[in-house]
């Protein structure tokens, strides 16, 4: 079984994403009452990579919103089969069950998870 890790370390997060050629994005129209919208990563071969609602943002903007919302990245380096994994989820660390913060990006295919908060 593949093991998951969590981190708040900006360098570690950026290194993980860039190794997969992923870029930080925000889902347009998901901001509410001044709160950050859905943050995620866009992967080059993901089926939704050309979604017009995904707005690429800078790493600085991503990490500013990441820190403001006290998020952690839950991620995997490899699948159970040993292939590079794109699985990741942005979570609130204080949540016992790892409830995500209106954010999801990636699985092996880079698509949305079935667990998406609205």
PDB file of N, CA and C in Angstrom:
ATOM      1  N   UNK A   1       0.839  -1.181   0.000  1.00  0.00           N
ATOM      2  CA  UNK A   1       0.000   0.000   0.000  1.00  0.00           C
ATOM      3  C   UNK A   1       0.884   1.245   0.000  1.00  0.00           C
ATOM      4  N   UNK A   2       0.501   2.238  -0.770  1.00  0.00           N
ATOM      5  CA  UNK A   2       1.266   3.477  -0.852  1.00  0.00           C
ATOM      6  C   UNK A   2       1.056   4.294   0.412  1.00  0.00           C
ATOM      7  N   UNK A   3       2.123   4.912   0.892  1.00  0.00           N
ATOM      8  CA  UNK A   3       1.997   5.726   2.101  1.00  0.00           C
ATOM      9  C   UNK A   3       1.827   7.192   1.727  1.00  0.00           C
ATOM     10  N   UNK A   4       1.087   7.893   2.551  1.00  0.00           N
ATOM     11  CA  UNK A   4       0.850   9.316   2.356  1.00  0.00           C
ATOM     12  C   UNK A   4       1.666  10.110   3.358  1.00  0.00           C
ATOM     13  N   UNK A   5       1.988  11.332   2.981  1.00  0.00           N
ATOM     14  CA  UNK A   5       2.719  12.256   3.844  1.00  0.00           C
ATOM     15  C   UNK A   5       1.944  13.557   3.904  1.00  0.00           C
ATOM     16  N   UNK A   6       2.213  14.352   4.921  1.00  0.00           N
ATOM     17  CA  UNK A   6       1.661  15.694   4.982  1.00  0.00           C
ATOM     18  C   UNK A   6       2.796  16.682   5.205  1.00  0.00           C
ATOM     19  N   UNK A   7       2.606  17.895   4.679  1.00  0.00           N
ATOM     20  CA  UNK A   7       3.602  18.941   4.875  1.00  0.00           C
ATOM     21  C   UNK A   7       2.972  20.313   4.724  1.00  0.00           C
ATOM     22  N   UNK A   8       3.611  21.275   5.373  1.00  0.00           N
ATOM     23  CA  UNK A   8       3.300  22.697   5.188  1.00  0.00           C
ATOM     24  C   UNK A   8       4.513  23.401   4.569  1.00  0.00           C
ATOM     25  N   UNK A   9       5.579  22.663   4.346  1.00  0.00           N
ATOM     26  CA  UNK A   9       6.823  23.220   3.852  1.00  0.00           C
ATOM     27  C   UNK A   9       6.690  23.629   2.385  1.00  0.00           C
ATOM     28  N   UNK A  10       6.825  24.922   2.134  1.00  0.00           N
ATOM     29  CA  UNK A  10       6.641  25.454   0.783  1.00  0.00           C
ATOM     30  C   UNK A  10       7.603  24.834  -0.226  1.00  0.00           C
ATOM     31  N   UNK A  11       8.850  24.700   0.162  1.00  0.00           N
ATOM     32  CA  UNK A  11       9.851  24.140  -0.752  1.00  0.00           C
ATOM     33  C   UNK A  11       9.528  22.686  -1.109  1.00  0.00           C
ATOM     34  N   UNK A  12       9.128  21.921  -0.119  1.00  0.00           N
ATOM     35  CA  UNK A  12       8.771  20.521  -0.340  1.00  0.00           C
ATOM     36  C   UNK A  12       7.557  20.402  -1.265  1.00  0.00           C
ATOM     37  N   UNK A  13       6.552  21.250  -1.042  1.00  0.00           N
ATOM     38  CA  UNK A  13       5.345  21.240  -1.870  1.00  0.00           C
ATOM     39  C   UNK A  13       5.679  21.608  -3.315  1.00  0.00           C
ATOM     40  N   UNK A  14       6.437  22.673  -3.467  1.00  0.00           N
ATOM     41  CA  UNK A  14       6.786  23.123  -4.821  1.00  0.00           C
ATOM     42  C   UNK A  14       7.620  22.078  -5.556  1.00  0.00           C
ATOM     43  N   UNK A  15       8.557  21.484  -4.856  1.00  0.00           N
ATOM     44  CA  UNK A  15       9.407  20.445  -5.451  1.00  0.00           C
ATOM     45  C   UNK A  15       8.565  19.255  -5.892  1.00  0.00           C
ATOM     46  N   UNK A  16       7.618  18.827  -5.045  1.00  0.00           N
ATOM     47  CA  UNK A  16       6.734  17.706  -5.378  1.00  0.00           C
ATOM     48  C   UNK A  16       5.923  18.027  -6.631  1.00  0.00           C
ATOM     49  N   UNK A  17       5.313  19.206  -6.665  1.00  0.00           N
ATOM     50  CA  UNK A  17       4.475  19.600  -7.807  1.00  0.00           C
ATOM     51  C   UNK A  17       5.298  19.745  -9.089  1.00  0.00           C
ATOM     52  N   UNK A  18       6.423  20.408  -9.006  1.00  0.00           N
ATOM     53  CA  UNK A  18       7.238  20.633 -10.198  1.00  0.00           C
ATOM     54  C   UNK A  18       7.808  19.330 -10.758  1.00  0.00           C
ATOM     55  N   UNK A  19       8.063  18.353  -9.906  1.00  0.00           N
ATOM     56  CA  UNK A  19       8.536  17.054 -10.383  1.00  0.00           C
ATOM     57  C   UNK A  19       7.481  16.370 -11.251  1.00  0.00           C
ATOM     58  N   UNK A  20       6.224  16.802 -11.091  1.00  0.00           N
ATOM     59  CA  UNK A  20       5.108  16.253 -11.861  1.00  0.00           C
ATOM     60  C   UNK A  20       4.603  17.237 -12.921  1.00  0.00           C
ATOM     61  N   UNK A  21       5.356  18.336 -13.087  1.00  0.00           N
ATOM     62  CA  UNK A  21       5.015  19.397 -14.040  1.00  0.00           C
ATOM     63  C   UNK A  21       3.642  20.009 -13.745  1.00  0.00           C
ATOM     64  N   UNK A  22       3.262  20.000 -12.467  1.00  0.00           N
ATOM     65  CA  UNK A  22       1.996  20.586 -12.040  1.00  0.00           C
ATOM     66  C   UNK A  22       2.194  22.058 -11.703  1.00  0.00           C
ATOM     67  N   UNK A  23       1.141  22.842 -11.926  1.00  0.00           N
ATOM     68  CA  UNK A  23       1.175  24.257 -11.599  1.00  0.00           C
ATOM     69  C   UNK A  23       0.022  24.577 -10.651  1.00  0.00           C
ATOM     70  N   UNK A  24       0.203  25.584  -9.775  1.00  0.00           N
ATOM     71  CA  UNK A  24      -0.881  25.948  -8.861  1.00  0.00           C
ATOM     72  C   UNK A  24      -1.979  26.707  -9.605  1.00  0.00           C
ATOM     73  N   UNK A  25      -3.221  26.379  -9.280  1.00  0.00           N
ATOM     74  CA  UNK A  25      -4.369  27.053  -9.882  1.00  0.00           C
ATOM     75  C   UNK A  25      -5.421  27.320  -8.813  1.00  0.00           C
ATOM     76  N   UNK A  26      -6.285  28.271  -9.144  1.00  0.00           N
ATOM     77  CA  UNK A  26      -7.467  28.543  -8.329  1.00  0.00           C
ATOM     78  C   UNK A  26      -8.664  28.355  -9.244  1.00  0.00           C
ATOM     79  N   UNK A  27      -9.721  27.756  -8.734  1.00  0.00           N
ATOM     80  CA  UNK A  27     -10.916  27.547  -9.533  1.00  0.00           C
ATOM     81  C   UNK A  27     -11.725  28.843  -9.515  1.00  0.00           C
ATOM     82  N   UNK A  28     -11.853  29.469 -10.683  1.00  0.00           N
ATOM     83  CA  UNK A  28     -12.563  30.741 -10.807  1.00  0.00           C
ATOM     84  C   UNK A  28     -14.006  30.599 -10.352  1.00  0.00           C
ATOM     85  N   UNK A  29     -14.493  31.625  -9.676  1.00  0.00           N
ATOM     86  CA  UNK A  29     -15.879  31.655  -9.248  1.00  0.00           C
ATOM     87  C   UNK A  29     -16.161  30.917  -7.960  1.00  0.00           C
ATOM     88  N   UNK A  30     -15.133  30.396  -7.293  1.00  0.00           N
ATOM     89  CA  UNK A  30     -15.362  29.653  -6.050  1.00  0.00           C
ATOM     90  C   UNK A  30     -15.052  30.484  -4.815  1.00  0.00           C
ATOM     91  N   UNK A  31     -14.613  31.733  -5.005  1.00  0.00           N
ATOM     92  CA  UNK A  31     -14.351  32.600  -3.873  1.00  0.00           C
ATOM     93  C   UNK A  31     -15.702  33.037  -3.292  1.00  0.00           C
ATOM     94  N   UNK A  32     -15.757  33.143  -1.974  1.00  0.00           N
ATOM     95  CA  UNK A  32     -17.002  33.578  -1.321  1.00  0.00           C
ATOM     96  C   UNK A  32     -16.686  34.503  -0.156  1.00  0.00           C
ATOM     97  N   UNK A  33     -17.356  35.632  -0.131  1.00  0.00           N
ATOM     98  CA  UNK A  33     -17.241  36.582   0.985  1.00  0.00           C
ATOM     99  C   UNK A  33     -15.789  36.865   1.353  1.00  0.00           C
ATOM    100  N   UNK A  34     -14.972  37.084   0.359  1.00  0.00           N
ATOM    101  CA  UNK A  34     -13.582  37.411   0.594  1.00  0.00           C
ATOM    102  C   UNK A  34     -12.700  36.229   0.939  1.00  0.00           C
ATOM    103  N   UNK A  35     -13.273  35.019   0.961  1.00  0.00           N
ATOM    104  CA  UNK A  35     -12.484  33.829   1.267  1.00  0.00           C
ATOM    105  C   UNK A  35     -11.850  33.280   0.003  1.00  0.00           C
ATOM    106  N   UNK A  36     -10.747  32.617   0.177  1.00  0.00           N
ATOM    107  CA  UNK A  36     -10.038  31.990  -0.921  1.00  0.00           C
ATOM    108  C   UNK A  36     -10.916  30.947  -1.587  1.00  0.00           C
ATOM    109  N   UNK A  37     -10.835  30.887  -2.904  1.00  0.00           N
ATOM    110  CA  UNK A  37     -11.545  29.857  -3.647  1.00  0.00           C
ATOM    111  C   UNK A  37     -10.802  28.536  -3.569  1.00  0.00           C
ATOM    112  N   UNK A  38     -11.247  27.588  -4.351  1.00  0.00           N
ATOM    113  CA  UNK A  38     -10.628  26.266  -4.357  1.00  0.00           C
ATOM    114  C   UNK A  38      -9.229  26.354  -4.955  1.00  0.00           C
ATOM    115  N   UNK A  39      -8.262  25.895  -4.199  1.00  0.00           N
ATOM    116  CA  UNK A  39      -6.874  25.806  -4.662  1.00  0.00           C
ATOM    117  C   UNK A  39      -6.609  24.370  -5.064  1.00  0.00           C
ATOM    118  N   UNK A  40      -5.793  24.205  -6.078  1.00  0.00           N
ATOM    119  CA  UNK A  40      -5.425  22.863  -6.502  1.00  0.00           C
ATOM    120  C   UNK A  40      -4.208  22.923  -7.394  1.00  0.00           C
ATOM    121  N   UNK A  41      -3.795  21.782  -7.897  1.00  0.00           N
ATOM    122  CA  UNK A  41      -2.712  21.716  -8.876  1.00  0.00           C
ATOM    123  C   UNK A  41      -3.291  21.224 -10.191  1.00  0.00           C
ATOM    124  N   UNK A  42      -2.760  21.747 -11.267  1.00  0.00           N
ATOM    125  CA  UNK A  42      -3.150  21.288 -12.596  1.00  0.00           C
ATOM    126  C   UNK A  42      -1.986  20.501 -13.174  1.00  0.00           C
ATOM    127  N   UNK A  43      -2.284  19.269 -13.595  1.00  0.00           N
ATOM    128  CA  UNK A  43      -1.273  18.377 -14.153  1.00  0.00           C
ATOM    129  C   UNK A  43      -1.372  18.379 -15.674  1.00  0.00           C
ATOM    130  N   UNK A  44      -0.245  18.288 -16.369  1.00  0.00           N
ATOM    131  CA  UNK A  44      -0.246  18.418 -17.828  1.00  0.00           C
ATOM    132  C   UNK A  44      -1.083  17.386 -18.575  1.00  0.00           C
ATOM    133  N   UNK A  45      -1.223  16.179 -18.064  1.00  0.00           N
ATOM    134  CA  UNK A  45      -1.978  15.147 -18.778  1.00  0.00           C
ATOM    135  C   UNK A  45      -3.342  14.863 -18.164  1.00  0.00           C
ATOM    136  N   UNK A  46      -3.793  15.715 -17.255  1.00  0.00           N
ATOM    137  CA  UNK A  46      -5.092  15.508 -16.621  1.00  0.00           C
ATOM    138  C   UNK A  46      -6.204  15.806 -17.627  1.00  0.00           C
ATOM    139  N   UNK A  47      -7.287  15.055 -17.567  1.00  0.00           N
ATOM    140  CA  UNK A  47      -8.387  15.271 -18.507  1.00  0.00           C
ATOM    141  C   UNK A  47      -8.959  16.689 -18.460  1.00  0.00           C
ATOM    142  N   UNK A  48      -8.890  17.337 -17.301  1.00  0.00           N
ATOM    143  CA  UNK A  48      -9.472  18.674 -17.146  1.00  0.00           C
ATOM    144  C   UNK A  48      -8.441  19.787 -17.252  1.00  0.00           C
ATOM    145  N   UNK A  49      -7.289  19.517 -17.845  1.00  0.00           N
ATOM    146  CA  UNK A  49      -6.202  20.499 -17.874  1.00  0.00           C
ATOM    147  C   UNK A  49      -6.557  21.773 -18.630  1.00  0.00           C
ATOM    148  N   UNK A  50      -7.500  21.730 -19.527  1.00  0.00           N
ATOM    149  CA  UNK A  50      -7.879  22.917 -20.292  1.00  0.00           C
ATOM    150  C   UNK A  50      -9.180  23.533 -19.795  1.00  0.00           C
ATOM    151  N   UNK A  51      -9.587  23.197 -18.597  1.00  0.00           N
ATOM    152  CA  UNK A  51     -10.821  23.737 -18.020  1.00  0.00           C
ATOM    153  C   UNK A  51     -10.705  25.247 -17.912  1.00  0.00           C
ATOM    154  N   UNK A  52     -11.643  25.970 -18.506  1.00  0.00           N
ATOM    155  CA  UNK A  52     -11.599  27.439 -18.513  1.00  0.00           C
ATOM    156  C   UNK A  52     -11.764  28.029 -17.118  1.00  0.00           C
ATOM    157  N   UNK A  53     -12.249  27.243 -16.165  1.00  0.00           N
ATOM    158  CA  UNK A  53     -12.423  27.737 -14.795  1.00  0.00           C
ATOM    159  C   UNK A  53     -11.157  27.637 -13.951  1.00  0.00           C
ATOM    160  N   UNK A  54     -10.124  26.998 -14.481  1.00  0.00           N
ATOM    161  CA  UNK A  54      -8.870  26.888 -13.741  1.00  0.00           C
ATOM    162  C   UNK A  54      -7.978  28.054 -14.124  1.00  0.00           C
ATOM    163  N   UNK A  55      -7.661  28.883 -13.127  1.00  0.00           N
ATOM    164  CA  UNK A  55      -6.830  30.065 -13.350  1.00  0.00           C
ATOM    165  C   UNK A  55      -5.464  29.825 -12.712  1.00  0.00           C
ATOM    166  N   UNK A  56      -4.435  29.764 -13.556  1.00  0.00           N
ATOM    167  CA  UNK A  56      -3.090  29.571 -13.016  1.00  0.00           C
ATOM    168  C   UNK A  56      -2.718  30.775 -12.164  1.00  0.00           C
ATOM    169  N   UNK A  57      -2.141  30.500 -10.991  1.00  0.00           N
ATOM    170  CA  UNK A  57      -1.693  31.559 -10.101  1.00  0.00           C
ATOM    171  C   UNK A  57      -0.210  31.350  -9.797  1.00  0.00           C
ATOM    172  N   UNK A  58       0.436  32.399  -9.333  1.00  0.00           N
ATOM    173  CA  UNK A  58       1.863  32.303  -9.010  1.00  0.00           C
ATOM    174  C   UNK A  58       2.049  31.463  -7.745  1.00  0.00           C
ATOM    175  N   UNK A  59       3.263  30.961  -7.586  1.00  0.00           N
ATOM    176  CA  UNK A  59       3.577  30.226  -6.359  1.00  0.00           C
ATOM    177  C   UNK A  59       3.415  31.135  -5.149  1.00  0.00           C
ATOM    178  N   UNK A  60       3.816  32.412  -5.273  1.00  0.00           N
ATOM    179  CA  UNK A  60       3.673  33.338  -4.145  1.00  0.00           C
ATOM    180  C   UNK A  60       2.208  33.477  -3.743  1.00  0.00           C
ATOM    181  N   UNK A  61       1.314  33.647  -4.725  1.00  0.00           N
ATOM    182  CA  UNK A  61      -0.110  33.783  -4.433  1.00  0.00           C
ATOM    183  C   UNK A  61      -0.659  32.482  -3.843  1.00  0.00           C
ATOM    184  N   UNK A  62      -0.254  31.367  -4.413  1.00  0.00           N
ATOM    185  CA  UNK A  62      -0.699  30.067  -3.906  1.00  0.00           C
ATOM    186  C   UNK A  62      -0.317  29.913  -2.433  1.00  0.00           C
ATOM    187  N   UNK A  63       0.955  30.167  -2.120  1.00  0.00           N
ATOM    188  CA  UNK A  63       1.405  29.965  -0.748  1.00  0.00           C
ATOM    189  C   UNK A  63       0.827  30.999   0.212  1.00  0.00           C
ATOM    190  N   UNK A  64       0.540  32.191  -0.260  1.00  0.00           N
ATOM    191  CA  UNK A  64      -0.118  33.182   0.593  1.00  0.00           C
ATOM    192  C   UNK A  64      -1.497  32.657   1.001  1.00  0.00           C
ATOM    193  N   UNK A  65      -2.267  32.173   0.042  1.00  0.00           N
ATOM    194  CA  UNK A  65      -3.602  31.634   0.329  1.00  0.00           C
ATOM    195  C   UNK A  65      -3.514  30.340   1.133  1.00  0.00           C
ATOM    196  N   UNK A  66      -2.536  29.524   0.837  1.00  0.00           N
ATOM    197  CA  UNK A  66      -2.284  28.280   1.558  1.00  0.00           C
ATOM    198  C   UNK A  66      -2.052  28.575   3.044  1.00  0.00           C
ATOM    199  N   UNK A  67      -1.188  29.550   3.329  1.00  0.00           N
ATOM    200  CA  UNK A  67      -0.873  29.909   4.713  1.00  0.00           C
ATOM    201  C   UNK A  67      -2.042  30.613   5.403  1.00  0.00           C
ATOM    202  N   UNK A  68      -2.715  31.509   4.691  1.00  0.00           N
ATOM    203  CA  UNK A  68      -3.861  32.225   5.273  1.00  0.00           C
ATOM    204  C   UNK A  68      -4.947  31.262   5.728  1.00  0.00           C
ATOM    205  N   UNK A  69      -5.078  30.158   5.031  1.00  0.00           N
ATOM    206  CA  UNK A  69      -6.116  29.181   5.341  1.00  0.00           C
ATOM    207  C   UNK A  69      -5.608  28.020   6.184  1.00  0.00           C
ATOM    208  N   UNK A  70      -4.356  28.135   6.649  1.00  0.00           N
ATOM    209  CA  UNK A  70      -3.767  27.129   7.536  1.00  0.00           C
ATOM    210  C   UNK A  70      -3.915  25.717   6.959  1.00  0.00           C
ATOM    211  N   UNK A  71      -3.464  25.559   5.725  1.00  0.00           N
ATOM    212  CA  UNK A  71      -3.601  24.280   5.043  1.00  0.00           C
ATOM    213  C   UNK A  71      -2.329  23.446   5.132  1.00  0.00           C
ATOM    214  N   UNK A  72      -2.481  22.172   4.889  1.00  0.00           N
ATOM    215  CA  UNK A  72      -1.376  21.232   4.729  1.00  0.00           C
ATOM    216  C   UNK A  72      -1.624  20.476   3.437  1.00  0.00           C
ATOM    217  N   UNK A  73      -0.553  20.010   2.835  1.00  0.00           N
ATOM    218  CA  UNK A  73      -0.675  19.153   1.663  1.00  0.00           C
ATOM    219  C   UNK A  73      -0.539  17.704   2.101  1.00  0.00           C
ATOM    220  N   UNK A  74      -1.554  16.912   1.814  1.00  0.00           N
ATOM    221  CA  UNK A  74      -1.520  15.470   1.980  1.00  0.00           C
ATOM    222  C   UNK A  74      -1.187  14.919   0.599  1.00  0.00           C
ATOM    223  N   UNK A  75      -0.133  14.107   0.493  1.00  0.00           N
ATOM    224  CA  UNK A  75       0.297  13.665  -0.824  1.00  0.00           C
ATOM    225  C   UNK A  75       0.991  12.312  -0.763  1.00  0.00           C
ATOM    226  N   UNK A  76       1.173  11.740  -1.956  1.00  0.00           N
ATOM    227  CA  UNK A  76       1.924  10.496  -2.086  1.00  0.00           C
ATOM    228  C   UNK A  76       3.046  10.709  -3.091  1.00  0.00           C
ATOM    229  N   UNK A  77       4.165  10.088  -2.828  1.00  0.00           N
ATOM    230  CA  UNK A  77       5.287  10.105  -3.774  1.00  0.00           C
ATOM    231  C   UNK A  77       5.072   9.046  -4.852  1.00  0.00           C
ATOM    232  N   UNK A  78       4.617   7.860  -4.432  1.00  0.00           N
ATOM    233  CA  UNK A  78       4.468   6.737  -5.347  1.00  0.00           C
ATOM    234  C   UNK A  78       3.157   6.005  -5.104  1.00  0.00           C
ATOM    235  N   UNK A  79       2.660   5.358  -6.162  1.00  0.00           N
ATOM    236  CA  UNK A  79       1.487   4.504  -6.036  1.00  0.00           C
ATOM    237  C   UNK A  79       1.909   3.193  -5.379  1.00  0.00           C
ATOM    238  N   UNK A  80       0.946   2.362  -5.042  1.00  0.00           N
ATOM    239  CA  UNK A  80       1.249   1.054  -4.460  1.00  0.00           C
ATOM    240  C   UNK A  80       2.083   0.202  -5.411  1.00  0.00           C
ATOM    241  N   UNK A  81       1.931   0.457  -6.716  1.00  0.00           N
ATOM    242  CA  UNK A  81       2.689  -0.286  -7.733  1.00  0.00           C
ATOM    243  C   UNK A  81       4.089   0.277  -7.940  1.00  0.00           C
ATOM    244  N   UNK A  82       4.398   1.415  -7.309  1.00  0.00           N
ATOM    245  CA  UNK A  82       5.723   2.001  -7.420  1.00  0.00           C
ATOM    246  C   UNK A  82       5.859   3.103  -8.459  1.00  0.00           C
ATOM    247  N   UNK A  83       4.782   3.429  -9.164  1.00  0.00           N
ATOM    248  CA  UNK A  83       4.817   4.510 -10.146  1.00  0.00           C
ATOM    249  C   UNK A  83       4.683   5.859  -9.436  1.00  0.00           C
ATOM    250  N   UNK A  84       5.134   6.913 -10.087  1.00  0.00           N
ATOM    251  CA  UNK A  84       4.991   8.251  -9.519  1.00  0.00           C
ATOM    252  C   UNK A  84       3.507   8.567  -9.341  1.00  0.00           C
ATOM    253  N   UNK A  85       3.142   9.069  -8.178  1.00  0.00           N
ATOM    254  CA  UNK A  85       1.744   9.369  -7.861  1.00  0.00           C
ATOM    255  C   UNK A  85       1.485  10.868  -7.919  1.00  0.00           C
ATOM    256  N   UNK A  86       0.327  11.225  -8.441  1.00  0.00           N
ATOM    257  CA  UNK A  86      -0.129  12.621  -8.435  1.00  0.00           C
ATOM    258  C   UNK A  86      -1.132  12.868  -7.316  1.00  0.00           C
ATOM    259  N   UNK A  87      -1.424  11.849  -6.512  1.00  0.00           N
ATOM    260  CA  UNK A  87      -2.427  12.018  -5.462  1.00  0.00           C
ATOM    261  C   UNK A  87      -2.027  13.139  -4.517  1.00  0.00           C
ATOM    262  N   UNK A  88      -2.959  14.055  -4.291  1.00  0.00           N
ATOM    263  CA  UNK A  88      -2.747  15.120  -3.317  1.00  0.00           C
ATOM    264  C   UNK A  88      -4.074  15.705  -2.906  1.00  0.00           C
ATOM    265  N   UNK A  89      -4.090  16.292  -1.718  1.00  0.00           N
ATOM    266  CA  UNK A  89      -5.282  16.947  -1.195  1.00  0.00           C
ATOM    267  C   UNK A  89      -4.828  18.030  -0.229  1.00  0.00           C
ATOM    268  N   UNK A  90      -5.432  19.191  -0.316  1.00  0.00           N
ATOM    269  CA  UNK A  90      -5.154  20.260   0.639  1.00  0.00           C
ATOM    270  C   UNK A  90      -6.140  20.119   1.780  1.00  0.00           C
ATOM    271  N   UNK A  91      -5.610  20.023   2.998  1.00  0.00           N
ATOM    272  CA  UNK A  91      -6.433  19.742   4.174  1.00  0.00           C
ATOM    273  C   UNK A  91      -6.148  20.742   5.289  1.00  0.00           C
ATOM    274  N   UNK A  92      -7.096  20.803   6.230  1.00  0.00           N
ATOM    275  CA  UNK A  92      -6.869  21.517   7.487  1.00  0.00           C
ATOM    276  C   UNK A  92      -6.225  20.533   8.446  1.00  0.00           C
ATOM    277  N   UNK A  93      -5.051  20.827   8.977  1.00  0.00           N
ATOM    278  CA  UNK A  93      -4.366  19.856   9.840  1.00  0.00           C
ATOM    279  C   UNK A  93      -5.121  19.528  11.123  1.00  0.00           C
ATOM    280  N   UNK A  94      -5.940  20.439  11.612  1.00  0.00           N
ATOM    281  CA  UNK A  94      -6.640  20.174  12.866  1.00  0.00           C
ATOM    282  C   UNK A  94      -7.834  19.253  12.681  1.00  0.00           C
ATOM    283  N   UNK A  95      -8.192  18.965  11.452  1.00  0.00           N
ATOM    284  CA  UNK A  95      -9.324  18.093  11.189  1.00  0.00           C
ATOM    285  C   UNK A  95      -8.940  16.642  11.444  1.00  0.00           C
ATOM    286  N   UNK A  96      -9.695  15.976  12.286  1.00  0.00           N
ATOM    287  CA  UNK A  96      -9.387  14.584  12.613  1.00  0.00           C
ATOM    288  C   UNK A  96      -9.456  13.679  11.396  1.00  0.00           C
ATOM    289  N   UNK A  97     -10.381  13.941  10.509  1.00  0.00           N
ATOM    290  CA  UNK A  97     -10.578  13.075   9.359  1.00  0.00           C
ATOM    291  C   UNK A  97      -9.893  13.611   8.114  1.00  0.00           C
ATOM    292  N   UNK A  98      -9.145  14.705   8.229  1.00  0.00           N
ATOM    293  CA  UNK A  98      -8.467  15.245   7.060  1.00  0.00           C
ATOM    294  C   UNK A  98      -9.423  15.884   6.078  1.00  0.00           C
ATOM    295  N   UNK A  99     -10.482  16.504   6.570  1.00  0.00           N
ATOM    296  CA  UNK A  99     -11.434  17.150   5.684  1.00  0.00           C
ATOM    297  C   UNK A  99     -10.730  18.213   4.887  1.00  0.00           C
ATOM    298  N   UNK A 100     -10.918  18.182   3.608  1.00  0.00           N
ATOM    299  CA  UNK A 100     -10.239  19.129   2.746  1.00  0.00           C
ATOM    300  C   UNK A 100     -10.854  20.511   2.842  1.00  0.00           C
ATOM    301  N   UNK A 101     -10.086  21.509   2.510  1.00  0.00           N
ATOM    302  CA  UNK A 101     -10.542  22.888   2.497  1.00  0.00           C
ATOM    303  C   UNK A 101     -10.901  23.260   1.074  1.00  0.00           C
ATOM    304  N   UNK A 102     -12.107  22.938   0.662  1.00  0.00           N
ATOM    305  CA  UNK A 102     -12.584  23.307  -0.658  1.00  0.00           C
ATOM    306  C   UNK A 102     -11.482  23.144  -1.693  1.00  0.00           C
ATOM    307  N   UNK A 103     -10.788  22.067  -1.617  1.00  0.00           N
ATOM    308  CA  UNK A 103      -9.648  21.896  -2.494  1.00  0.00           C
ATOM    309  C   UNK A 103      -9.401  20.444  -2.789  1.00  0.00           C
ATOM    310  N   UNK A 104      -9.045  20.190  -4.000  1.00  0.00           N
ATOM    311  CA  UNK A 104      -8.701  18.832  -4.382  1.00  0.00           C
ATOM    312  C   UNK A 104      -7.972  18.897  -5.700  1.00  0.00           C
ATOM    313  N   UNK A 105      -6.984  18.117  -5.805  1.00  0.00           N
ATOM    314  CA  UNK A 105      -6.352  18.000  -7.097  1.00  0.00           C
ATOM    315  C   UNK A 105      -5.578  16.729  -7.173  1.00  0.00           C
ATOM    316  N   UNK A 106      -5.934  15.983  -8.130  1.00  0.00           N
ATOM    317  CA  UNK A 106      -5.108  14.875  -8.485  1.00  0.00           C
ATOM    318  C   UNK A 106      -5.465  13.564  -7.858  1.00  0.00           C
ATOM    319  N   UNK A 107      -5.272  12.612  -8.627  1.00  0.00           N
ATOM    320  CA  UNK A 107      -5.216  11.221  -8.256  1.00  0.00           C
ATOM    321  C   UNK A 107      -4.189  10.691  -9.224  1.00  0.00           C
ATOM    322  N   UNK A 108      -4.196   9.432  -9.503  1.00  0.00           N
ATOM    323  CA  UNK A 108      -3.245   8.949 -10.490  1.00  0.00           C
ATOM    324  C   UNK A 108      -3.448   9.653 -11.827  1.00  0.00           C
ATOM    325  N   UNK A 109      -4.688   9.995 -12.141  1.00  0.00           N
ATOM    326  CA  UNK A 109      -4.970  10.630 -13.425  1.00  0.00           C
ATOM    327  C   UNK A 109      -4.961  12.142 -13.330  1.00  0.00           C
ATOM    328  N   UNK A 110      -4.865  12.688 -12.132  1.00  0.00           N
ATOM    329  CA  UNK A 110      -4.884  14.132 -11.970  1.00  0.00           C
ATOM    330  C   UNK A 110      -6.290  14.697 -11.943  1.00  0.00           C
ATOM    331  N   UNK A 111      -7.299  13.868 -11.735  1.00  0.00           N
ATOM    332  CA  UNK A 111      -8.675  14.345 -11.746  1.00  0.00           C
ATOM    333  C   UNK A 111      -9.160  14.614 -10.335  1.00  0.00           C
ATOM    334  N   UNK A 112     -10.346  15.226 -10.237  1.00  0.00           N
ATOM    335  CA  UNK A 112     -10.926  15.538  -8.926  1.00  0.00           C
ATOM    336  C   UNK A 112     -11.222  14.280  -8.142  1.00  0.00           C
ATOM    337  N   UNK A 113     -11.130  14.389  -6.852  1.00  0.00           N
ATOM    338  CA  UNK A 113     -11.492  13.310  -5.961  1.00  0.00           C
ATOM    339  C   UNK A 113     -13.006  13.292  -5.797  1.00  0.00           C
ATOM    340  N   UNK A 114     -13.516  12.194  -5.316  1.00  0.00           N
ATOM    341  CA  UNK A 114     -14.947  12.112  -5.041  1.00  0.00           C
ATOM    342  C   UNK A 114     -15.293  12.873  -3.773  1.00  0.00           C
ATOM    343  N   UNK A 115     -14.325  13.282  -2.994  1.00  0.00           N
ATOM    344  CA  UNK A 115     -14.556  14.029  -1.754  1.00  0.00           C
ATOM    345  C   UNK A 115     -14.240  15.489  -1.988  1.00  0.00           C
ATOM    346  N   UNK A 116     -15.207  16.267  -2.355  1.00  0.00           N
ATOM    347  CA  UNK A 116     -14.967  17.679  -2.628  1.00  0.00           C
ATOM    348  C   UNK A 116     -15.927  18.518  -1.832  1.00  0.00           C
ATOM    349  N   UNK A 117     -15.395  19.373  -0.998  1.00  0.00           N
ATOM    350  CA  UNK A 117     -16.241  20.255  -0.202  1.00  0.00           C
ATOM    351  C   UNK A 117     -16.726  21.389  -1.062  1.00  0.00           C
ATOM    352  N   UNK A 118     -17.912  21.880  -0.770  1.00  0.00           N
ATOM    353  CA  UNK A 118     -18.459  23.007  -1.549  1.00  0.00           C
ATOM    354  C   UNK A 118     -18.764  24.171  -0.662  1.00  0.00           C
TER     355      UNK A 118
END
